[in-house]
PDB file of N, CA and C in Angstrom:
ATOM      1  N   MET A   1      89.647  84.960 130.392  1.00  0.00           N
ATOM      2  CA  MET A   1      90.406  85.077 130.889  1.00  0.00           C
ATOM      3  C   MET A   1      91.333  86.159 131.335  1.00  0.00           C
ATOM      4  N   GLU A   2      91.946  86.174 130.102  1.00  0.00           N
ATOM      5  CA  GLU A   2      93.191  87.314 129.913  1.00  0.00           C
ATOM      6  C   GLU A   2      92.729  88.503 130.080  1.00  0.00           C
ATOM      7  N   ILE A   3      91.637  88.792 129.259  1.00  0.00           N
ATOM      8  CA  ILE A   3      90.479  89.977 129.243  1.00  0.00           C
ATOM      9  C   ILE A   3      90.252  90.652 131.110  1.00  0.00           C
ATOM     10  N   LEU A   4      89.828  89.495 131.645  1.00  0.00           N
ATOM     11  CA  LEU A   4      89.428  89.799 133.088  1.00  0.00           C
ATOM     12  C   LEU A   4      90.980  90.294 134.021  1.00  0.00           C
ATOM     13  N   SER A   5      91.997  89.833 133.685  1.00  0.00           N
ATOM     14  CA  SER A   5      93.159  89.883 134.330  1.00  0.00           C
ATOM     15  C   SER A   5      93.533  91.698 134.417  1.00  0.00           C
ATOM     16  N   VAL A   6      93.565  91.730 132.888  1.00  0.00           N
ATOM     17  CA  VAL A   6      93.997  93.275 132.491  1.00  0.00           C
ATOM     18  C   VAL A   6      93.131  93.972 132.723  1.00  0.00           C
ATOM     19  N   LEU A   7      91.938  94.165 132.702  1.00  0.00           N
ATOM     20  CA  LEU A   7      90.739  94.923 133.595  1.00  0.00           C
ATOM     21  C   LEU A   7      91.141  95.155 134.963  1.00  0.00           C
ATOM     22  N   ASN A   8      91.464  93.717 135.759  1.00  0.00           N
ATOM     23  CA  ASN A   8      91.680  93.874 137.053  1.00  0.00           C
ATOM     24  C   ASN A   8      92.866  95.001 137.224  1.00  0.00           C
ATOM     25  N   SER A   9      93.650  94.543 136.627  1.00  0.00           N
ATOM     26  CA  SER A   9      95.487  95.108 136.734  1.00  0.00           C
ATOM     27  C   SER A   9      94.955  96.847 136.355  1.00  0.00           C
ATOM     28  N   ASP A  10      94.345  97.121 135.264  1.00  0.00           N
ATOM     29  CA  ASP A  10      93.797  98.580 135.321  1.00  0.00           C
ATOM     30  C   ASP A  10      93.062  98.961 135.924  1.00  0.00           C
ATOM     31  N   LEU A  11      92.340  98.198 136.453  1.00  0.00           N
ATOM     32  CA  LEU A  11      91.228  99.079 138.158  1.00  0.00           C
ATOM     33  C   LEU A  11      91.979  99.197 139.071  1.00  0.00           C
ATOM     34  N   MET A  12      93.302  98.340 139.447  1.00  0.00           N
ATOM     35  CA  MET A  12      94.108  98.368 140.719  1.00  0.00           C
ATOM     36  C   MET A  12      95.027  99.630 140.781  1.00  0.00           C
ATOM     37  N   LEU A  13      95.829 100.218 139.785  1.00  0.00           N
ATOM     38  CA  LEU A  13      96.109 101.433 139.705  1.00  0.00           C
ATOM     39  C   LEU A  13      95.299 102.689 140.516  1.00  0.00           C
ATOM     40  N   PRO A  14      94.356 103.112 139.767  1.00  0.00           N
ATOM     41  CA  PRO A  14      93.029 104.112 139.905  1.00  0.00           C
ATOM     42  C   PRO A  14      92.891 103.753 141.676  1.00  0.00           C
ATOM     43  N   MET A  15      92.557 102.691 141.978  1.00  0.00           N
ATOM     44  CA  MET A  15      91.632 101.925 143.089  1.00  0.00           C
ATOM     45  C   MET A  15      93.043 102.299 144.338  1.00  0.00           C
ATOM     46  N   LEU A  16      94.469 101.954 144.327  1.00  0.00           N
ATOM     47  CA  LEU A  16      95.664 102.425 144.955  1.00  0.00           C
ATOM     48  C   LEU A  16      95.598 103.641 145.188  1.00  0.00           C
ATOM     49  N   ALA A  17      95.497 104.332 143.830  1.00  0.00           N
ATOM     50  CA  ALA A  17      95.529 106.016 143.932  1.00  0.00           C
ATOM     51  C   ALA A  17      94.785 106.635 144.756  1.00  0.00           C
ATOM     52  N   LEU A  18      93.523 106.301 144.758  1.00  0.00           N
ATOM     53  CA  LEU A  18      92.641 106.953 145.496  1.00  0.00           C
ATOM     54  C   LEU A  18      92.832 106.654 146.623  1.00  0.00           C
ATOM     55  N   LEU A  19      92.709 105.236 147.171  1.00  0.00           N
ATOM     56  CA  LEU A  19      93.717 104.797 148.534  1.00  0.00           C
ATOM     57  C   LEU A  19      94.392 105.875 149.265  1.00  0.00           C
ATOM     58  N   VAL A  20      95.831 105.791 148.620  1.00  0.00           N
ATOM     59  CA  VAL A  20      96.570 106.629 149.020  1.00  0.00           C
ATOM     60  C   VAL A  20      96.462 108.008 149.219  1.00  0.00           C
ATOM     61  N   ILE A  21      95.614 108.966 148.146  1.00  0.00           N
ATOM     62  CA  ILE A  21      95.124 109.858 148.584  1.00  0.00           C
ATOM     63  C   ILE A  21      94.676 110.394 149.659  1.00  0.00           C
ATOM     64  N   GLY A  22      93.373 109.624 149.831  1.00  0.00           N
ATOM     65  CA  GLY A  22      92.357 109.344 150.894  1.00  0.00           C
ATOM     66  C   GLY A  22      93.327 109.461 152.186  1.00  0.00           C
ATOM     67  N   VAL A  23      93.974 108.816 152.269  1.00  0.00           N
ATOM     68  CA  VAL A  23      94.597 108.379 153.429  1.00  0.00           C
ATOM     69  C   VAL A  23      95.583 109.655 154.039  1.00  0.00           C
ATOM     70  N   TYR A  24      96.321 110.138 152.948  1.00  0.00           N
ATOM     71  CA  TYR A  24      96.994 111.297 152.534  1.00  0.00           C
ATOM     72  C   TYR A  24      96.106 112.226 153.541  1.00  0.00           C
ATOM     73  N   ILE A  25      95.177 112.741 152.816  1.00  0.00           N
ATOM     74  CA  ILE A  25      94.510 113.812 153.122  1.00  0.00           C
ATOM     75  C   ILE A  25      93.734 113.235 154.532  1.00  0.00           C
ATOM     76  N   PHE A  26      93.423 112.481 154.882  1.00  0.00           N
ATOM     77  CA  PHE A  26      92.678 112.034 156.099  1.00  0.00           C
ATOM     78  C   PHE A  26      93.617 112.271 157.554  1.00  0.00           C
ATOM     79  N   THR A  27      94.837 111.864 157.278  1.00  0.00           N
ATOM     80  CA  THR A  27      95.902 112.003 158.213  1.00  0.00           C
ATOM     81  C   THR A  27      96.442 113.378 158.396  1.00  0.00           C
ATOM     82  N   ARG A  28      96.366 114.644 157.374  1.00  0.00           N
ATOM     83  CA  ARG A  28      96.659 115.963 157.149  1.00  0.00           C
ATOM     84  C   ARG A  28      95.411 116.439 158.288  1.00  0.00           C
ATOM     85  N   ILE A  29      94.558 115.958 157.833  1.00  0.00           N
ATOM     86  CA  ILE A  29      93.291 116.497 158.287  1.00  0.00           C
ATOM     87  C   ILE A  29      93.756 116.309 160.149  1.00  0.00           C
ATOM     88  N   ARG A  30      93.610 115.466 160.369  1.00  0.00           N
ATOM     89  CA  ARG A  30      93.623 114.988 161.816  1.00  0.00           C
ATOM     90  C   ARG A  30      95.068 115.578 162.625  1.00  0.00           C
ATOM     91  N   ASN A  31      95.879 115.948 161.932  1.00  0.00           N
ATOM     92  CA  ASN A  31      97.218 116.490 162.381  1.00  0.00           C
ATOM     93  C   ASN A  31      96.993 118.072 162.397  1.00  0.00           C
ATOM     94  N   ASN A  32      96.181 118.670 161.682  1.00  0.00           N
ATOM     95  CA  ASN A  32      95.938 119.941 161.524  1.00  0.00           C
ATOM     96  C   ASN A  32      94.860 120.473 162.789  1.00  0.00           C
ATOM     97  N   ARG A  33      93.851 119.247 163.079  1.00  0.00           N
ATOM     98  CA  ARG A  33      92.915 119.488 164.164  1.00  0.00           C
ATOM     99  C   ARG A  33      94.031 119.192 165.556  1.00  0.00           C
ATOM    100  N   ARG A  34      94.707 118.003 165.545  1.00  0.00           N
ATOM    101  CA  ARG A  34      95.785 118.237 166.731  1.00  0.00           C
ATOM    102  C   ARG A  34      96.731 119.434 167.172  1.00  0.00           C
ATOM    103  N   PHE A  35      97.401 120.044 165.731  1.00  0.00           N
ATOM    104  CA  PHE A  35      98.209 121.284 165.777  1.00  0.00           C
ATOM    105  C   PHE A  35      97.066 121.960 166.506  1.00  0.00           C
ATOM    106  N   LYS A  36      96.173 122.163 165.616  1.00  0.00           N
ATOM    107  CA  LYS A  36      95.320 123.952 166.184  1.00  0.00           C
ATOM    108  C   LYS A  36      94.601 123.685 167.756  1.00  0.00           C
ATOM    109  N   ARG A  37      94.621 122.484 168.387  1.00  0.00           N
ATOM    110  CA  ARG A  37      94.287 122.290 169.736  1.00  0.00           C
ATOM    111  C   ARG A  37      95.564 122.325 170.717  1.00  0.00           C
TER     112      ARG A  37
END
């Protein structure tokens, strides 16, 4: 059980980082399209 919890915590950071980066890029692309138009 301890190994599973450690594995989950190790995977949570990269997943959260990718999610934040994805949302940031998505919002930037939407803003760029809005400004161009």
